């Protein structure tokens, strides 16, 4: 992919849209879950994490269902995106205490589907 196009994909709003696309595509959103867009609705550990992620021009997304919060971050990998010819996100899932639960690389194909990449 062209560097100029990749840099545009790296902006927070585009990265957020890609992260939400990935999560939605993987059916990680539970039916009835509500999207959290205001950091103040998050536990303090996740508020700090969301603020740091935003300062670094990366994306975060969170949802709540009942009392359970799902929180993840997404960072565009320019090198891997260039190599694959499609956007590649480094995605990290956290628990409510801000501890890493899972980490993975995901590439978006031309048809919009996401595929897990080997680390």
N, C-alpha and C. Protein backbone atom coordinates (compact mmCIF):
# COMPACT_ATOMS: atom_id res chain seq x y z
N UNK A 1 0.84 -1.18 0.00
CA UNK A 1 0.00 0.00 0.00
C UNK A 1 0.89 1.25 0.00
N UNK A 2 0.38 2.33 -0.55
CA UNK A 2 1.11 3.58 -0.58
C UNK A 2 1.23 4.15 0.82
N UNK A 3 2.38 4.75 1.10
CA UNK A 3 2.62 5.33 2.42
C UNK A 3 1.59 6.42 2.72
N UNK A 4 1.26 7.26 1.76
CA UNK A 4 0.28 8.33 1.97
C UNK A 4 -1.07 7.76 2.37
N UNK A 5 -1.50 6.70 1.68
CA UNK A 5 -2.77 6.06 1.99
C UNK A 5 -2.71 5.42 3.38
N UNK A 6 -1.58 4.80 3.71
CA UNK A 6 -1.42 4.17 5.02
C UNK A 6 -1.46 5.21 6.13
N UNK A 7 -0.81 6.34 5.93
CA UNK A 7 -0.81 7.40 6.95
C UNK A 7 -2.24 7.90 7.20
N UNK A 8 -3.04 8.00 6.14
CA UNK A 8 -4.43 8.42 6.30
C UNK A 8 -5.20 7.40 7.13
N UNK A 9 -4.93 6.11 6.90
CA UNK A 9 -5.60 5.07 7.67
C UNK A 9 -5.20 5.10 9.14
N UNK A 10 -4.06 5.72 9.43
CA UNK A 10 -3.54 5.72 10.78
C UNK A 10 -4.24 6.77 11.66
N UNK A 11 -4.97 7.69 11.09
CA UNK A 11 -5.62 8.71 11.90
C UNK A 11 -6.60 8.05 12.86
N UNK A 12 -6.78 8.65 14.06
CA UNK A 12 -7.62 8.01 15.08
C UNK A 12 -9.04 7.67 14.62
N UNK A 13 -9.70 8.56 13.87
CA UNK A 13 -11.08 8.28 13.47
C UNK A 13 -11.14 7.08 12.53
N UNK A 14 -10.18 6.97 11.62
CA UNK A 14 -10.16 5.83 10.70
C UNK A 14 -9.78 4.57 11.45
N UNK A 15 -8.78 4.68 12.33
CA UNK A 15 -8.37 3.51 13.12
C UNK A 15 -9.52 3.03 14.00
N UNK A 16 -10.29 3.96 14.56
CA UNK A 16 -11.44 3.58 15.38
C UNK A 16 -12.49 2.86 14.54
N UNK A 17 -12.76 3.38 13.34
CA UNK A 17 -13.73 2.73 12.46
C UNK A 17 -13.26 1.33 12.08
N UNK A 18 -11.97 1.17 11.82
CA UNK A 18 -11.43 -0.15 11.48
C UNK A 18 -11.53 -1.09 12.67
N UNK A 19 -11.23 -0.58 13.87
CA UNK A 19 -11.31 -1.42 15.07
C UNK A 19 -12.76 -1.86 15.32
N UNK A 20 -13.70 -0.94 15.17
CA UNK A 20 -15.11 -1.29 15.35
C UNK A 20 -15.57 -2.28 14.28
N UNK A 21 -15.07 -2.11 13.06
CA UNK A 21 -15.40 -3.05 11.99
C UNK A 21 -14.90 -4.44 12.34
N UNK A 22 -13.68 -4.51 12.83
CA UNK A 22 -13.11 -5.81 13.22
C UNK A 22 -13.93 -6.46 14.32
N UNK A 23 -14.20 -5.72 15.37
CA UNK A 23 -14.94 -6.28 16.51
C UNK A 23 -16.32 -6.73 16.06
N UNK A 24 -16.98 -5.91 15.27
CA UNK A 24 -18.31 -6.27 14.78
C UNK A 24 -18.27 -7.47 13.86
N UNK A 25 -17.25 -7.53 13.02
CA UNK A 25 -17.10 -8.64 12.07
C UNK A 25 -16.85 -9.96 12.78
N UNK A 26 -16.19 -9.88 13.92
CA UNK A 26 -15.88 -11.09 14.68
C UNK A 26 -17.00 -11.46 15.66
N UNK A 27 -18.08 -10.73 15.61
CA UNK A 27 -19.24 -10.98 16.48
C UNK A 27 -18.89 -10.93 17.95
N UNK A 28 -17.94 -10.07 18.31
CA UNK A 28 -17.57 -9.94 19.72
C UNK A 28 -18.55 -9.05 20.48
N UNK A 29 -19.36 -8.33 19.74
CA UNK A 29 -20.35 -7.50 20.41
C UNK A 29 -21.52 -8.38 20.81
N UNK A 30 -21.81 -8.33 22.06
CA UNK A 30 -22.95 -9.10 22.54
C UNK A 30 -24.24 -8.38 22.19
N UNK A 31 -25.24 -9.13 21.87
CA UNK A 31 -26.53 -8.52 21.55
C UNK A 31 -26.99 -7.69 22.75
N UNK A 32 -27.32 -6.45 22.48
CA UNK A 32 -27.78 -5.56 23.53
C UNK A 32 -26.68 -4.76 24.21
N UNK A 33 -25.43 -4.97 23.80
CA UNK A 33 -24.33 -4.22 24.40
C UNK A 33 -24.41 -2.76 23.95
N UNK A 34 -24.01 -1.88 24.85
CA UNK A 34 -24.02 -0.44 24.56
C UNK A 34 -22.58 0.05 24.39
N UNK A 35 -22.34 0.78 23.32
CA UNK A 35 -21.01 1.33 23.03
C UNK A 35 -20.72 2.46 24.01
N UNK A 36 -19.54 2.46 24.58
CA UNK A 36 -19.08 3.53 25.47
C UNK A 36 -18.19 4.46 24.65
N UNK A 37 -18.55 5.73 24.60
CA UNK A 37 -17.75 6.70 23.85
C UNK A 37 -17.13 7.76 24.75
N UNK A 38 -17.61 7.84 25.98
CA UNK A 38 -17.11 8.83 26.94
C UNK A 38 -16.21 8.12 27.95
N UNK A 39 -14.94 8.52 27.98
CA UNK A 39 -13.99 7.87 28.89
C UNK A 39 -14.43 7.88 30.33
N UNK A 40 -15.20 8.89 30.72
CA UNK A 40 -15.61 8.99 32.13
C UNK A 40 -16.52 7.83 32.56
N UNK A 41 -17.08 7.10 31.60
CA UNK A 41 -17.92 5.95 31.92
C UNK A 41 -17.11 4.69 32.21
N UNK A 42 -15.79 4.77 31.99
CA UNK A 42 -14.92 3.61 32.18
C UNK A 42 -14.35 3.60 33.60
N UNK A 43 -13.96 2.41 34.10
CA UNK A 43 -13.22 2.36 35.36
C UNK A 43 -11.92 3.16 35.21
N UNK A 44 -11.38 3.66 36.32
CA UNK A 44 -10.22 4.54 36.29
C UNK A 44 -9.04 3.95 35.51
N UNK A 45 -8.76 2.66 35.68
CA UNK A 45 -7.63 2.04 34.97
C UNK A 45 -7.84 2.14 33.45
N UNK A 46 -9.07 1.93 32.99
CA UNK A 46 -9.34 2.01 31.55
C UNK A 46 -9.40 3.45 31.08
N UNK A 47 -9.80 4.38 31.95
CA UNK A 47 -9.78 5.80 31.60
C UNK A 47 -8.36 6.24 31.29
N UNK A 48 -7.42 5.83 32.15
CA UNK A 48 -6.01 6.19 31.94
C UNK A 48 -5.49 5.56 30.64
N UNK A 49 -5.86 4.31 30.42
CA UNK A 49 -5.42 3.61 29.21
C UNK A 49 -6.00 4.28 27.96
N UNK A 50 -7.27 4.62 27.99
CA UNK A 50 -7.91 5.28 26.84
C UNK A 50 -7.26 6.64 26.56
N UNK A 51 -6.93 7.38 27.62
CA UNK A 51 -6.28 8.68 27.44
C UNK A 51 -4.90 8.51 26.80
N UNK A 52 -4.14 7.53 27.27
CA UNK A 52 -2.80 7.28 26.71
C UNK A 52 -2.90 6.86 25.25
N UNK A 53 -3.83 5.96 24.96
CA UNK A 53 -4.01 5.47 23.59
C UNK A 53 -4.39 6.63 22.66
N UNK A 54 -5.26 7.50 23.13
CA UNK A 54 -5.68 8.66 22.32
C UNK A 54 -4.51 9.61 22.08
N UNK A 55 -3.68 9.83 23.09
CA UNK A 55 -2.52 10.71 22.92
C UNK A 55 -1.55 10.14 21.88
N UNK A 56 -1.50 8.83 21.77
CA UNK A 56 -0.60 8.17 20.82
C UNK A 56 -1.23 8.02 19.44
N UNK A 57 -2.41 8.64 19.23
CA UNK A 57 -3.14 8.59 17.95
C UNK A 57 -3.53 7.18 17.56
N UNK A 58 -3.83 6.35 18.55
CA UNK A 58 -4.35 5.02 18.31
C UNK A 58 -5.83 5.00 18.68
N UNK A 59 -6.47 3.87 18.50
CA UNK A 59 -7.91 3.77 18.73
C UNK A 59 -8.22 2.92 19.95
N UNK A 60 -9.33 3.25 20.60
CA UNK A 60 -9.86 2.39 21.65
C UNK A 60 -11.35 2.25 21.42
N UNK A 61 -11.89 1.15 21.89
CA UNK A 61 -13.32 0.92 21.78
C UNK A 61 -13.75 0.15 23.02
N UNK A 62 -14.94 0.47 23.49
CA UNK A 62 -15.45 -0.20 24.69
C UNK A 62 -16.96 -0.37 24.58
N UNK A 63 -17.43 -1.45 25.18
CA UNK A 63 -18.85 -1.76 25.22
C UNK A 63 -19.18 -2.27 26.61
N UNK A 64 -20.41 -2.06 27.00
CA UNK A 64 -20.86 -2.56 28.30
C UNK A 64 -22.15 -3.35 28.10
N UNK A 65 -22.24 -4.45 28.79
CA UNK A 65 -23.45 -5.27 28.83
C UNK A 65 -23.61 -5.71 30.26
N UNK A 66 -24.74 -5.38 30.84
CA UNK A 66 -24.97 -5.60 32.27
C UNK A 66 -23.86 -4.83 33.00
N UNK A 67 -23.04 -5.50 33.76
CA UNK A 67 -21.95 -4.83 34.48
C UNK A 67 -20.58 -5.15 33.88
N UNK A 68 -20.55 -5.81 32.75
CA UNK A 68 -19.28 -6.24 32.16
C UNK A 68 -18.86 -5.28 31.05
N UNK A 69 -17.60 -4.83 31.11
CA UNK A 69 -17.06 -3.94 30.10
C UNK A 69 -16.06 -4.70 29.23
N UNK A 70 -16.21 -4.55 27.92
CA UNK A 70 -15.23 -5.07 26.96
C UNK A 70 -14.46 -3.87 26.44
N UNK A 71 -13.14 -3.93 26.53
CA UNK A 71 -12.29 -2.81 26.14
C UNK A 71 -11.15 -3.32 25.29
N UNK A 72 -10.91 -2.67 24.14
CA UNK A 72 -9.78 -3.06 23.30
C UNK A 72 -9.17 -1.82 22.66
N UNK A 73 -7.92 -1.98 22.26
CA UNK A 73 -7.22 -0.91 21.56
C UNK A 73 -6.76 -1.43 20.21
N UNK A 74 -6.60 -0.51 19.29
CA UNK A 74 -6.13 -0.87 17.96
C UNK A 74 -5.08 0.11 17.48
N UNK A 75 -4.01 -0.42 16.94
CA UNK A 75 -2.93 0.40 16.40
C UNK A 75 -2.62 -0.09 15.00
N UNK A 76 -2.62 0.83 14.05
CA UNK A 76 -2.27 0.47 12.68
C UNK A 76 -0.79 0.13 12.59
N UNK A 77 -0.47 -0.94 11.89
CA UNK A 77 0.92 -1.28 11.60
C UNK A 77 1.19 -0.91 10.16
N UNK A 78 1.94 0.18 9.97
CA UNK A 78 2.22 0.63 8.61
C UNK A 78 3.05 -0.39 7.85
N UNK A 79 4.06 -0.94 8.50
CA UNK A 79 4.92 -1.93 7.82
C UNK A 79 4.14 -3.15 7.38
N UNK A 80 3.35 -3.71 8.29
CA UNK A 80 2.58 -4.91 7.95
C UNK A 80 1.47 -4.60 6.95
N UNK A 81 0.87 -3.42 7.04
CA UNK A 81 -0.16 -3.03 6.08
C UNK A 81 0.44 -2.93 4.68
N UNK A 82 1.63 -2.36 4.61
CA UNK A 82 2.32 -2.25 3.32
C UNK A 82 2.63 -3.64 2.78
N UNK A 83 3.11 -4.51 3.66
CA UNK A 83 3.47 -5.87 3.26
C UNK A 83 2.27 -6.66 2.76
N UNK A 84 1.14 -6.54 3.43
CA UNK A 84 -0.07 -7.30 3.07
C UNK A 84 -0.91 -6.62 2.00
N UNK A 85 -0.71 -5.32 1.81
CA UNK A 85 -1.51 -4.59 0.84
C UNK A 85 -2.90 -4.24 1.35
N UNK A 86 -3.13 -4.43 2.64
CA UNK A 86 -4.41 -4.13 3.28
C UNK A 86 -4.13 -3.65 4.70
N UNK A 87 -5.08 -2.95 5.31
CA UNK A 87 -4.87 -2.49 6.69
C UNK A 87 -4.63 -3.66 7.65
N UNK A 88 -3.63 -3.49 8.51
CA UNK A 88 -3.33 -4.47 9.56
C UNK A 88 -3.38 -3.75 10.90
N UNK A 89 -4.19 -4.27 11.80
CA UNK A 89 -4.33 -3.71 13.14
C UNK A 89 -3.67 -4.60 14.18
N UNK A 90 -2.96 -3.96 15.11
CA UNK A 90 -2.49 -4.65 16.30
C UNK A 90 -3.58 -4.41 17.34
N UNK A 91 -4.25 -5.47 17.77
CA UNK A 91 -5.39 -5.35 18.67
C UNK A 91 -5.05 -5.98 20.02
N UNK A 92 -5.36 -5.24 21.07
CA UNK A 92 -5.13 -5.72 22.42
C UNK A 92 -6.43 -5.62 23.20
N UNK A 93 -6.82 -6.70 23.86
CA UNK A 93 -8.01 -6.72 24.72
C UNK A 93 -7.56 -6.64 26.18
N UNK A 94 -8.29 -5.85 26.96
CA UNK A 94 -7.95 -5.63 28.36
C UNK A 94 -9.11 -6.01 29.27
N UNK A 95 -8.77 -6.36 30.52
CA UNK A 95 -9.83 -6.56 31.51
C UNK A 95 -10.14 -5.20 32.14
N UNK A 96 -11.10 -5.17 33.04
CA UNK A 96 -11.54 -3.90 33.64
C UNK A 96 -10.47 -3.23 34.49
N UNK A 97 -9.45 -3.99 34.89
CA UNK A 97 -8.35 -3.43 35.66
C UNK A 97 -7.23 -2.90 34.78
N UNK A 98 -7.40 -2.98 33.45
CA UNK A 98 -6.40 -2.48 32.52
C UNK A 98 -5.28 -3.47 32.23
N UNK A 99 -5.49 -4.74 32.60
CA UNK A 99 -4.49 -5.77 32.34
C UNK A 99 -4.76 -6.43 30.99
N UNK A 100 -3.69 -6.68 30.24
CA UNK A 100 -3.81 -7.31 28.92
C UNK A 100 -4.35 -8.72 29.07
N UNK A 101 -5.38 -9.03 28.28
CA UNK A 101 -5.96 -10.37 28.25
C UNK A 101 -5.55 -11.13 26.99
N UNK A 102 -5.58 -10.43 25.83
CA UNK A 102 -5.23 -11.05 24.55
C UNK A 102 -4.58 -10.00 23.66
N UNK A 103 -3.80 -10.48 22.71
CA UNK A 103 -3.14 -9.62 21.75
C UNK A 103 -3.13 -10.33 20.41
N UNK A 104 -3.35 -9.59 19.34
CA UNK A 104 -3.30 -10.23 18.03
C UNK A 104 -3.16 -9.22 16.90
N UNK A 105 -2.79 -9.74 15.76
CA UNK A 105 -2.71 -8.95 14.53
C UNK A 105 -3.83 -9.38 13.62
N UNK A 106 -4.51 -8.40 13.02
CA UNK A 106 -5.63 -8.68 12.14
C UNK A 106 -5.48 -7.88 10.86
N UNK A 107 -5.63 -8.55 9.71
CA UNK A 107 -5.55 -7.91 8.40
C UNK A 107 -6.93 -7.87 7.79
N UNK A 108 -7.28 -6.74 7.20
CA UNK A 108 -8.58 -6.60 6.54
C UNK A 108 -8.39 -6.84 5.04
N UNK A 109 -9.12 -7.81 4.53
CA UNK A 109 -9.04 -8.15 3.10
C UNK A 109 -9.84 -7.15 2.28
N UNK A 110 -9.66 -7.19 0.99
CA UNK A 110 -10.37 -6.29 0.07
C UNK A 110 -11.88 -6.41 0.18
N UNK A 111 -12.37 -7.61 0.54
CA UNK A 111 -13.82 -7.81 0.66
C UNK A 111 -14.36 -7.36 2.02
N UNK A 112 -13.49 -6.80 2.88
CA UNK A 112 -13.93 -6.28 4.18
C UNK A 112 -13.83 -7.28 5.32
N UNK A 113 -13.53 -8.53 5.00
CA UNK A 113 -13.38 -9.53 6.06
C UNK A 113 -12.03 -9.39 6.74
N UNK A 114 -12.00 -9.76 8.02
CA UNK A 114 -10.77 -9.69 8.80
C UNK A 114 -10.19 -11.08 8.98
N UNK A 115 -8.85 -11.16 8.91
CA UNK A 115 -8.17 -12.43 9.10
C UNK A 115 -7.07 -12.26 10.14
N UNK A 116 -6.99 -13.22 11.05
CA UNK A 116 -5.95 -13.23 12.06
C UNK A 116 -4.60 -13.49 11.39
N UNK A 117 -3.57 -12.78 11.83
CA UNK A 117 -2.23 -12.94 11.28
C UNK A 117 -1.34 -13.57 12.35
N UNK A 118 -0.37 -14.33 11.94
CA UNK A 118 0.58 -14.93 12.87
C UNK A 118 1.47 -13.87 13.48
N UNK A 119 1.77 -14.04 14.75
CA UNK A 119 2.67 -13.10 15.43
C UNK A 119 4.10 -13.49 15.20
